[in-house]
């Protein structure tokens, strides 16, 4: 039977207790990790992508994506508090929907985390390369973007990239940091979060007074958009969704969290609320101060917030915002690689990935093998692909995983109504279906090209499962590890 392998929640908790990671993160650490994972390329870079798809209507896009994420966060909080172990949506799916669905979720999460880390690295490199050009130390253009990306020059011409050197190097540096220890990573992330928040506050303070109502006309140059088109407000919302992704990375740290029943919901919902307020203020200030029509200057910028400040007559502060992005965006890469390694670590513990992925470093107590493998893959993604393509592909995996988790939580309410729930999703029979519908709407709004790539990735995943993982599964041999 394809769907006969379900790993009971009690067995998942037992497995984690036998081969667990060290619990060392508190509520503040998790909230900082969540904000660190959320505020990043989405707001610092994808503002330009959203402008090209929806124009000023991207304000609505931020709201739509934020609502879908808020609904999903409420769902995630319930299951994460019930199952405080590594693995995120993969683990939750295994407990409710069985091994095959769990494998497909885990496979999709590679798109969410590894590809997203590459997207953030590319977004970071746009600011880093722009900053280097401003101070006279710019790299050759061919080394500032991947072969699938184009660079718009000051004279209006374009150049083709070949290898994004800086994006590759930052990914490898972050990988090294993660290998040497989780608690060190959390402390560094907390500092970087403060830097990012200061940069956004500075942007809002300077751009908000320059808001002019004429920049919001026409508000919807590409309309609301239609399914599979990838443009309009819904198309931009599907891309902007990337700006909120990261809150679920908090749940992947559940096994390393002190008092997870209390702290996981605080980290998830708290970080999402803080970031939503910032996003709406930044989007309003960006549109109103400069304009955001498709095909305009903003839509072509690799460093949109710095570009806006320079355009408003604050070149030095624009450079400082760029510098803040350069310093702080690596925290997002860190959290994305962190999330990916913990999911692969858990899949290896279940026998679905090579056992080497579940090995823990004797000195640093981190899953070093899977971290190195993931980091090298991320560095190659970052070197070769443009940020918008990576972000949309990442979103497809994320939306699929969120969709499955929402269904799983509702099924669990029916199957095990008396199981202790430290956090209960309020109005679950309203929130759950709304989360499912929201994820489905954004998924079909990504555009047919991205959906096609996701389907190809899913088929590859099925082949790997039946050719390799299924026969090696712990449940296939009736083992309890």
Protein backbone atom coordinates (compact mmCIF):
# COMPACT_ATOMS: atom_id res chain seq x y z
CA UNK A 1 0.00 0.00 0.00
CA UNK A 2 1.29 3.45 -0.93
CA UNK A 3 -0.19 5.29 2.04
CA UNK A 4 0.17 2.63 4.74
CA UNK A 5 3.34 4.00 6.33
CA UNK A 6 2.31 6.53 8.95
CA UNK A 7 4.76 7.34 11.73
CA UNK A 8 2.77 7.86 14.96
CA UNK A 9 3.38 11.09 16.84
CA UNK A 10 4.52 9.16 19.91
CA UNK A 11 7.15 7.34 17.84
CA UNK A 12 8.37 10.63 16.33
CA UNK A 13 8.81 12.10 19.81
CA UNK A 14 10.55 8.92 21.01
CA UNK A 15 12.96 8.95 18.05
CA UNK A 16 13.84 12.58 18.67
CA UNK A 17 14.49 11.97 22.37
CA UNK A 18 16.96 9.17 21.56
CA UNK A 19 18.92 11.00 18.88
CA UNK A 20 18.23 14.62 19.67
CA UNK A 21 20.03 17.90 19.20
CA UNK A 22 20.89 20.10 22.19
CA UNK A 23 18.09 22.38 23.48
CA UNK A 24 19.67 25.82 23.77
CA UNK A 25 17.34 28.40 22.16
CA UNK A 26 14.80 30.55 24.05
CA UNK A 27 11.76 32.64 22.98
CA UNK A 28 13.87 35.72 22.24
CA UNK A 29 16.36 33.65 20.21
CA UNK A 30 13.49 32.19 18.17
CA UNK A 31 11.83 35.55 17.54
CA UNK A 32 15.16 37.00 16.42
CA UNK A 33 15.78 33.94 14.22
CA UNK A 34 12.30 34.36 12.75
CA UNK A 35 12.73 38.07 12.01
CA UNK A 36 16.22 37.32 10.74
CA UNK A 37 14.84 34.72 8.36
CA UNK A 38 11.88 36.83 7.19
CA UNK A 39 13.31 40.33 6.69
CA UNK A 40 15.69 39.93 3.81
CA UNK A 41 15.73 39.62 0.06
CA UNK A 42 11.94 39.84 -0.09
CA UNK A 43 11.80 43.46 1.06
CA UNK A 44 15.32 44.59 0.15
CA UNK A 45 15.26 43.17 -3.40
CA UNK A 46 11.89 41.77 -4.51
CA UNK A 47 10.26 45.19 -4.15
CA UNK A 48 11.63 45.78 -7.65
CA UNK A 49 10.24 42.47 -8.95
CA UNK A 50 6.80 43.28 -7.48
CA UNK A 51 6.88 46.75 -9.05
CA UNK A 52 7.44 45.17 -12.45
CA UNK A 53 4.51 42.77 -12.00
CA UNK A 54 1.91 44.94 -10.26
CA UNK A 55 3.11 48.55 -10.10
CA UNK A 56 1.69 50.44 -7.09
CA UNK A 57 -0.79 47.58 -6.70
CA UNK A 58 2.00 45.68 -4.97
CA UNK A 59 0.64 47.26 -1.76
CA UNK A 60 -2.29 44.86 -2.12
CA UNK A 61 0.18 42.08 -2.94
CA UNK A 62 1.96 42.55 0.39
CA UNK A 63 -1.39 42.43 2.21
CA UNK A 64 -2.58 39.28 0.41
CA UNK A 65 0.71 37.43 0.98
CA UNK A 66 0.75 38.57 4.62
CA UNK A 67 -2.77 37.28 5.26
CA UNK A 68 -1.95 33.87 3.77
CA UNK A 69 1.19 33.67 5.92
CA UNK A 70 -0.68 34.74 9.06
CA UNK A 71 -3.25 31.98 8.54
CA UNK A 72 -0.49 29.46 7.94
CA UNK A 73 1.46 30.63 11.01
CA UNK A 74 -1.57 29.94 13.21
CA UNK A 75 -1.79 26.43 11.76
CA UNK A 76 1.96 25.87 12.12
CA UNK A 77 1.93 26.99 15.76
CA UNK A 78 -0.48 24.21 16.74
CA UNK A 79 1.44 21.36 15.14
CA UNK A 80 4.90 22.75 16.03
CA UNK A 81 3.96 22.96 19.72
CA UNK A 82 2.56 19.41 19.60
CA UNK A 83 5.60 17.96 17.83
CA UNK A 84 8.62 19.98 18.99
CA UNK A 85 11.20 18.11 16.90
CA UNK A 86 13.32 18.96 13.86
CA UNK A 87 11.82 18.49 10.41
CA UNK A 88 9.08 21.12 10.09
CA UNK A 89 6.33 20.29 7.57
CA UNK A 90 8.04 17.01 6.64
CA UNK A 91 7.72 15.62 10.18
CA UNK A 92 4.14 16.83 10.57
CA UNK A 93 3.11 15.21 7.28
CA UNK A 94 4.76 11.92 8.25
CA UNK A 95 2.64 11.77 11.40
CA UNK A 96 -0.69 12.44 9.73
CA UNK A 97 -0.58 11.71 5.99
CA UNK A 98 2.07 9.01 5.74
CA UNK A 99 5.53 8.47 4.33
CA UNK A 100 4.90 9.14 0.63
CA UNK A 101 3.27 12.52 1.26
CA UNK A 102 5.94 13.32 3.86
CA UNK A 103 8.65 12.51 1.32
CA UNK A 104 7.05 14.79 -1.27
CA UNK A 105 6.82 17.57 1.32
CA UNK A 106 10.45 17.07 2.33
CA UNK A 107 11.42 17.06 -1.34
CA UNK A 108 9.45 20.28 -1.90
CA UNK A 109 11.12 21.86 1.13
CA UNK A 110 14.44 21.57 -0.69
CA UNK A 111 12.96 24.16 -3.04
CA UNK A 112 11.85 26.28 -0.08
CA UNK A 113 15.10 26.32 1.84
CA UNK A 114 18.06 25.51 -0.40
CA UNK A 115 16.78 27.41 -3.43
CA UNK A 116 15.58 30.26 -1.20
CA UNK A 117 19.03 30.52 0.36
CA UNK A 118 20.43 30.85 -3.14
CA UNK A 119 17.87 33.55 -3.95
CA UNK A 120 18.82 35.55 -0.86
CA UNK A 121 22.51 35.21 -1.70
CA UNK A 122 21.81 36.61 -5.17
CA UNK A 123 19.78 39.45 -3.66
CA UNK A 124 22.63 40.16 -1.25
CA UNK A 125 25.14 40.24 -4.09
CA UNK A 126 23.08 42.93 -5.86
CA UNK A 127 23.61 45.28 -2.90
CA UNK A 128 27.22 44.19 -2.41
CA UNK A 129 28.13 44.73 -6.06
CA UNK A 130 26.28 48.06 -6.14
CA UNK A 131 28.12 49.21 -3.01
CA UNK A 132 31.48 48.16 -4.44
CA UNK A 133 30.76 50.10 -7.64
CA UNK A 134 29.83 53.20 -5.60
CA UNK A 135 33.19 53.17 -3.82
CA UNK A 136 35.19 52.34 -6.96
CA UNK A 137 35.97 48.67 -6.38
CA UNK A 138 33.38 47.02 -8.61
CA UNK A 139 33.95 43.52 -9.98
CA UNK A 140 33.84 42.78 -13.73
CA UNK A 141 30.17 42.70 -14.76
CA UNK A 142 30.38 39.05 -15.82
CA UNK A 143 31.14 38.11 -12.19
CA UNK A 144 28.20 40.04 -10.71
CA UNK A 145 25.36 37.88 -12.07
CA UNK A 146 24.67 34.34 -13.24
CA UNK A 147 24.35 33.30 -16.89
CA UNK A 148 20.54 33.53 -16.72
CA UNK A 149 20.60 37.13 -15.49
CA UNK A 150 21.08 40.51 -17.17
CA UNK A 151 22.56 43.68 -15.71
CA UNK A 152 21.17 47.09 -16.66
CA UNK A 153 23.96 49.64 -17.05
CA UNK A 154 23.86 53.37 -16.32
CA UNK A 155 23.65 54.21 -20.04
CA UNK A 156 20.54 52.05 -20.47
CA UNK A 157 22.30 49.12 -22.15
CA UNK A 158 22.38 45.62 -20.71
CA UNK A 159 25.11 43.05 -20.13
CA UNK A 160 24.92 39.29 -19.57
CA UNK A 161 26.31 37.67 -16.43
CA UNK A 162 28.35 34.47 -16.30
CA UNK A 163 29.08 33.62 -12.62
CA UNK A 164 27.88 35.42 -9.49
CA UNK A 165 31.10 35.24 -7.53
CA UNK A 166 30.05 37.15 -4.40
CA UNK A 167 26.79 35.21 -4.03
CA UNK A 168 28.76 31.96 -4.21
CA UNK A 169 31.33 33.07 -1.62
CA UNK A 170 28.82 34.34 0.94
CA UNK A 171 26.96 31.00 0.79
CA UNK A 172 30.16 29.11 1.56
CA UNK A 173 31.02 31.48 4.44
CA UNK A 174 27.58 30.99 6.02
CA UNK A 175 27.97 27.24 5.67
CA UNK A 176 31.19 27.37 7.68
CA UNK A 177 29.49 29.44 10.39
CA UNK A 178 26.67 26.89 10.69
CA UNK A 179 29.13 24.02 10.97
CA UNK A 180 30.85 25.56 14.00
CA UNK A 181 27.67 25.91 16.07
CA UNK A 182 23.96 26.76 16.40
CA UNK A 183 24.14 28.98 19.49
CA UNK A 184 26.90 31.06 17.91
CA UNK A 185 24.73 31.42 14.81
CA UNK A 186 21.74 32.58 16.89
CA UNK A 187 23.81 35.27 18.64
CA UNK A 188 25.19 36.57 15.33
CA UNK A 189 21.67 36.56 13.86
CA UNK A 190 20.29 38.67 16.73
CA UNK A 191 22.90 41.37 16.03
CA UNK A 192 22.17 41.30 12.29
CA UNK A 193 18.42 41.60 12.90
CA UNK A 194 18.99 44.86 14.78
CA UNK A 195 21.06 46.21 11.86
CA UNK A 196 18.33 45.31 9.33
CA UNK A 197 15.59 46.90 11.42
CA UNK A 198 17.60 50.13 11.81
CA UNK A 199 18.14 50.24 8.02
CA UNK A 200 14.42 49.84 7.34
CA UNK A 201 13.50 52.48 9.92
CA UNK A 202 15.96 54.90 8.28
CA UNK A 203 14.43 54.18 4.86
CA UNK A 204 10.87 54.72 6.13
CA UNK A 205 11.83 57.94 7.94
CA UNK A 206 13.39 59.48 4.82
CA UNK A 207 11.06 58.13 2.11
CA UNK A 208 7.73 58.61 3.90
CA UNK A 209 7.84 62.47 3.87
CA UNK A 210 8.47 62.34 0.11
CA UNK A 211 5.29 60.38 -0.66
CA UNK A 212 3.31 61.93 -3.51
CA UNK A 213 -0.17 60.68 -4.40
CA UNK A 214 0.51 60.92 -8.15
CA UNK A 215 2.95 58.00 -7.86
CA UNK A 216 0.04 55.70 -7.05
CA UNK A 217 -1.63 56.37 -10.41
CA UNK A 218 -2.48 54.11 -12.15
CA UNK A 219 -2.80 51.87 -9.11
CA UNK A 220 -3.32 48.63 -11.04
CA UNK A 221 -1.45 48.93 -14.37
CA UNK A 222 -1.54 45.15 -14.88
CA UNK A 223 -4.85 44.56 -13.10
CA UNK A 224 -5.39 41.89 -10.47
CA UNK A 225 -3.91 39.18 -12.67
CA UNK A 226 -5.23 35.77 -13.66
CA UNK A 227 -4.17 32.24 -12.68
CA UNK A 228 -1.03 30.98 -14.45
CA UNK A 229 -0.23 34.48 -15.80
CA UNK A 230 2.38 35.37 -13.16
CA UNK A 231 1.59 39.11 -13.40
CA UNK A 232 -0.77 41.61 -11.80
CA UNK A 233 -1.50 41.92 -8.09
CA UNK A 234 -1.85 38.15 -7.62
CA UNK A 235 1.31 37.41 -9.59
CA UNK A 236 3.21 39.93 -7.46
CA UNK A 237 1.66 38.48 -4.29
CA UNK A 238 2.92 35.03 -5.31
CA UNK A 239 6.44 36.47 -5.67
CA UNK A 240 6.18 38.73 -2.59
CA UNK A 241 5.19 35.65 -0.59
CA UNK A 242 8.93 34.99 -0.55
CA UNK A 243 9.30 38.10 1.62
CA UNK A 244 7.37 36.39 4.41
CA UNK A 245 8.82 32.92 4.07
CA UNK A 246 11.14 32.15 6.92
CA UNK A 247 8.75 32.20 9.86
CA UNK A 248 8.40 28.43 9.50
CA UNK A 249 12.18 28.11 9.83
CA UNK A 250 11.49 28.77 13.52
CA UNK A 251 9.69 25.42 13.71
CA UNK A 252 12.71 23.58 12.25
CA UNK A 253 14.61 24.65 15.38
CA UNK A 254 12.02 23.03 17.66
CA UNK A 255 14.36 20.24 18.71
CA UNK A 256 16.95 22.80 19.82
CA UNK A 257 14.44 24.97 21.73
CA UNK A 258 13.99 25.23 25.48
CA UNK A 259 10.31 24.93 26.51
CA UNK A 260 9.18 24.55 22.86
CA UNK A 261 5.47 24.29 23.71
CA UNK A 262 5.53 27.95 24.79
CA UNK A 263 8.40 29.38 22.79
CA UNK A 264 7.67 28.05 19.28
CA UNK A 265 4.26 29.84 18.94
CA UNK A 266 5.82 33.04 20.34
CA UNK A 267 8.64 32.89 17.81
CA UNK A 268 6.36 32.09 14.87
CA UNK A 269 3.60 34.63 15.41
CA UNK A 270 5.74 37.37 16.99
CA UNK A 271 8.27 37.48 14.17
CA UNK A 272 5.54 37.50 11.51
CA UNK A 273 3.67 40.40 13.13
CA UNK A 274 6.78 42.57 13.42
CA UNK A 275 7.75 41.94 9.81
CA UNK A 276 4.29 42.60 8.36
CA UNK A 277 4.18 46.10 9.88
CA UNK A 278 7.61 46.91 8.45
CA UNK A 279 6.73 45.57 5.00
CA UNK A 280 3.60 47.66 4.58
CA UNK A 281 5.39 50.84 5.67
CA UNK A 282 8.37 50.18 3.37
CA UNK A 283 6.14 49.35 0.38
CA UNK A 284 4.01 52.48 0.87
CA UNK A 285 7.08 54.71 1.24
CA UNK A 286 8.83 53.15 -1.77
CA UNK A 287 5.85 53.53 -4.11
CA UNK A 288 4.82 56.98 -2.93
CA UNK A 289 8.28 58.54 -2.97
CA UNK A 290 9.56 57.26 -6.31
CA UNK A 291 6.83 55.52 -8.28
CA UNK A 292 6.69 51.84 -9.10
CA UNK A 293 5.25 51.43 -12.59
CA UNK A 294 6.15 48.26 -14.51
CA UNK A 295 9.24 48.79 -16.66
CA UNK A 296 10.29 51.87 -14.68
CA UNK A 297 13.69 52.51 -13.15
CA UNK A 298 12.74 50.97 -9.80
CA UNK A 299 11.63 47.71 -11.43
CA UNK A 300 15.13 47.23 -12.92
CA UNK A 301 17.13 47.96 -9.78
CA UNK A 302 19.15 45.21 -8.09
CA UNK A 303 19.21 47.31 -4.88
CA UNK A 304 15.82 49.12 -4.88
CA UNK A 305 15.82 50.66 -1.39
CA UNK A 306 19.30 52.11 -1.82
CA UNK A 307 18.30 53.32 -5.30
CA UNK A 308 15.25 55.13 -3.91
CA UNK A 309 17.27 56.95 -1.24
CA UNK A 310 19.91 58.01 -3.78
CA UNK A 311 17.12 59.19 -6.08
CA UNK A 312 15.64 61.26 -3.22
CA UNK A 313 18.96 63.06 -2.67
CA UNK A 314 20.36 60.92 0.14
CA UNK A 315 23.22 59.11 -1.64
CA UNK A 316 25.29 58.61 1.49
CA UNK A 317 22.38 57.19 3.48
CA UNK A 318 21.48 55.07 0.45
CA UNK A 319 24.99 53.64 0.65
CA UNK A 320 24.54 53.03 4.38
CA UNK A 321 21.26 51.17 3.76
CA UNK A 322 23.05 49.13 1.12
CA UNK A 323 25.82 48.48 3.66
CA UNK A 324 23.24 47.37 6.23
CA UNK A 325 21.74 44.97 3.70
CA UNK A 326 25.23 43.68 2.93
CA UNK A 327 25.92 43.11 6.62
CA UNK A 328 22.50 41.76 7.57
CA UNK A 329 21.11 39.72 4.67
CA UNK A 330 23.52 36.85 5.36
CA UNK A 331 21.41 36.11 8.46
CA UNK A 332 18.59 35.06 6.10
CA UNK A 333 20.93 32.78 4.16
CA UNK A 334 21.99 31.35 7.51
CA UNK A 335 18.42 30.56 8.56
CA UNK A 336 17.50 29.06 5.18
CA UNK A 337 20.51 26.73 5.16
CA UNK A 338 19.85 25.99 8.84
CA UNK A 339 16.26 24.99 8.06
CA UNK A 340 17.29 22.83 5.11
CA UNK A 341 19.91 20.91 7.06
CA UNK A 342 17.52 20.14 9.92
CA UNK A 343 14.93 18.75 7.51
CA UNK A 344 17.47 16.56 5.68
CA UNK A 345 18.88 15.53 9.08
CA UNK A 346 15.43 14.30 10.13
CA UNK A 347 14.81 12.54 6.80
CA UNK A 348 18.16 10.75 7.20
CA UNK A 349 17.17 9.74 10.74
CA UNK A 350 14.06 8.16 9.18
CA UNK A 351 16.18 6.29 6.63
CA UNK A 352 14.93 8.28 3.64
CA UNK A 353 18.24 10.08 3.05
CA UNK A 354 21.82 8.77 3.37
CA UNK A 355 22.70 8.00 7.01
CA UNK A 356 25.75 10.28 6.77
CA UNK A 357 23.30 13.22 6.76
CA UNK A 358 22.31 12.32 10.34
CA UNK A 359 25.86 12.36 11.71
CA UNK A 360 26.67 15.01 14.32
CA UNK A 361 30.09 16.64 14.69
CA UNK A 362 31.80 15.43 17.91
CA UNK A 363 33.09 18.90 18.82
CA UNK A 364 30.53 21.35 17.42
CA UNK A 365 27.44 19.11 17.93
CA UNK A 366 26.00 20.17 14.56
CA UNK A 367 24.96 18.02 11.57
CA UNK A 368 28.14 18.95 9.71
CA UNK A 369 27.98 16.58 6.71
CA UNK A 370 24.51 17.65 5.59
CA UNK A 371 25.39 21.30 6.28
CA UNK A 372 28.42 21.14 3.99
CA UNK A 373 26.51 19.33 1.22
CA UNK A 374 23.65 21.83 1.43
CA UNK A 375 26.01 24.83 1.51
CA UNK A 376 27.85 23.75 -1.62
CA UNK A 377 24.55 23.22 -3.47
CA UNK A 378 23.29 26.65 -2.38
CA UNK A 379 26.51 28.32 -3.53
CA UNK A 380 26.06 26.82 -7.00
CA UNK A 381 22.39 27.92 -7.21
CA UNK A 382 23.44 31.43 -6.20
CA UNK A 383 26.24 31.58 -8.73
CA UNK A 384 24.11 30.55 -11.69
CA UNK A 385 20.51 31.86 -11.42
CA UNK A 386 18.69 35.24 -11.13
CA UNK A 387 16.88 36.18 -7.94
CA UNK A 388 13.32 36.36 -9.33
CA UNK A 389 13.50 32.88 -10.87
CA UNK A 390 14.93 31.38 -7.67
CA UNK A 391 12.34 33.15 -5.49
CA UNK A 392 9.36 31.92 -7.52
CA UNK A 393 10.65 28.33 -7.67
CA UNK A 394 11.24 28.46 -3.91
CA UNK A 395 7.70 29.72 -3.35
CA UNK A 396 6.23 26.77 -5.24
CA UNK A 397 7.80 24.33 -2.78
CA UNK A 398 6.82 26.44 0.21
CA UNK A 399 3.18 26.82 -0.82
CA UNK A 400 2.88 23.08 -1.43
CA UNK A 401 4.28 22.34 2.05
CA UNK A 402 2.02 24.90 3.74
CA UNK A 403 -0.99 23.48 1.88
CA UNK A 404 -0.24 19.96 3.15
CA UNK A 405 0.39 21.09 6.74
CA UNK A 406 -2.94 22.94 6.90
CA UNK A 407 -4.77 19.82 5.71
CA UNK A 408 -2.80 17.68 8.15
CA UNK A 409 -3.69 19.80 11.18
CA UNK A 410 -7.39 19.60 10.34
CA UNK A 411 -7.21 15.81 9.86
CA UNK A 412 -5.41 15.48 13.21
CA UNK A 413 -8.19 17.44 14.93
CA UNK A 414 -10.61 14.74 13.73
CA UNK A 415 -8.37 11.67 14.21
CA UNK A 416 -6.89 12.59 17.62
CA UNK A 417 -9.17 15.21 19.18
CA UNK A 418 -8.00 14.46 22.73
CA UNK A 419 -4.24 14.73 22.13
CA UNK A 420 -2.75 17.58 24.22
CA UNK A 421 -2.39 20.79 22.20
CA UNK A 422 -0.27 23.40 24.03
CA UNK A 423 -1.36 25.88 21.37
CA UNK A 424 -4.73 25.53 19.63
CA UNK A 425 -5.37 27.32 16.36
CA UNK A 426 -8.39 29.58 16.99
CA UNK A 427 -11.40 28.95 14.71
CA UNK A 428 -9.51 26.11 13.04
CA UNK A 429 -12.41 25.20 10.73
CA UNK A 430 -12.30 28.73 9.36
CA UNK A 431 -8.55 29.37 9.51
CA UNK A 432 -7.60 25.95 8.08
CA UNK A 433 -9.68 26.05 4.87
CA UNK A 434 -8.75 29.72 4.37
CA UNK A 435 -5.04 28.82 4.62
CA UNK A 436 -5.51 25.96 2.12
CA UNK A 437 -7.39 28.21 -0.33
CA UNK A 438 -4.84 31.03 0.05
CA UNK A 439 -1.88 28.73 -0.63
CA UNK A 440 -3.64 27.25 -3.68
CA UNK A 441 -4.45 30.73 -5.05
CA UNK A 442 -0.87 31.96 -4.72
CA UNK A 443 0.51 28.71 -6.18
CA UNK A 444 -1.49 29.02 -9.41
CA UNK A 445 -0.57 32.72 -9.56
CA UNK A 446 3.16 31.93 -9.80
CA UNK A 447 2.87 31.47 -13.56
CA UNK A 448 2.86 28.37 -15.73
CA UNK A 449 6.67 28.27 -16.20
CA UNK A 450 7.31 28.04 -12.45
CA UNK A 451 4.53 25.50 -11.93
CA UNK A 452 5.99 23.37 -14.73
CA UNK A 453 9.41 23.39 -13.03
CA UNK A 454 7.77 22.38 -9.74
CA UNK A 455 5.97 19.46 -11.43
CA UNK A 456 9.25 18.28 -13.00
CA UNK A 457 10.92 18.47 -9.58
CA UNK A 458 8.02 16.49 -8.06
CA UNK A 459 8.35 13.73 -10.69
CA UNK A 460 12.10 13.50 -9.98
CA UNK A 461 11.24 13.22 -6.29
CA UNK A 462 8.86 10.32 -6.91
CA UNK A 463 11.53 8.49 -8.90
CA UNK A 464 14.09 8.95 -6.09
CA UNK A 465 11.57 7.79 -3.49
CA UNK A 466 10.66 4.55 -5.23
CA UNK A 467 14.18 3.82 -6.51
CA UNK A 468 16.07 4.64 -3.29
CA UNK A 469 14.25 5.95 -0.22
CA UNK A 470 11.23 3.64 0.13
CA UNK A 471 13.25 0.43 0.55
CA UNK A 472 15.63 2.08 3.05
CA UNK A 473 12.96 3.66 5.24
CA UNK A 474 13.11 2.88 8.96
CA UNK A 475 9.40 2.01 8.84
CA UNK A 476 10.03 -0.47 6.00
CA UNK A 477 12.10 -2.59 8.39
CA UNK A 478 9.88 -2.01 11.42
CA UNK A 479 12.72 -0.27 13.25
CA UNK A 480 12.48 2.38 15.94
CA UNK A 481 15.54 4.58 15.94
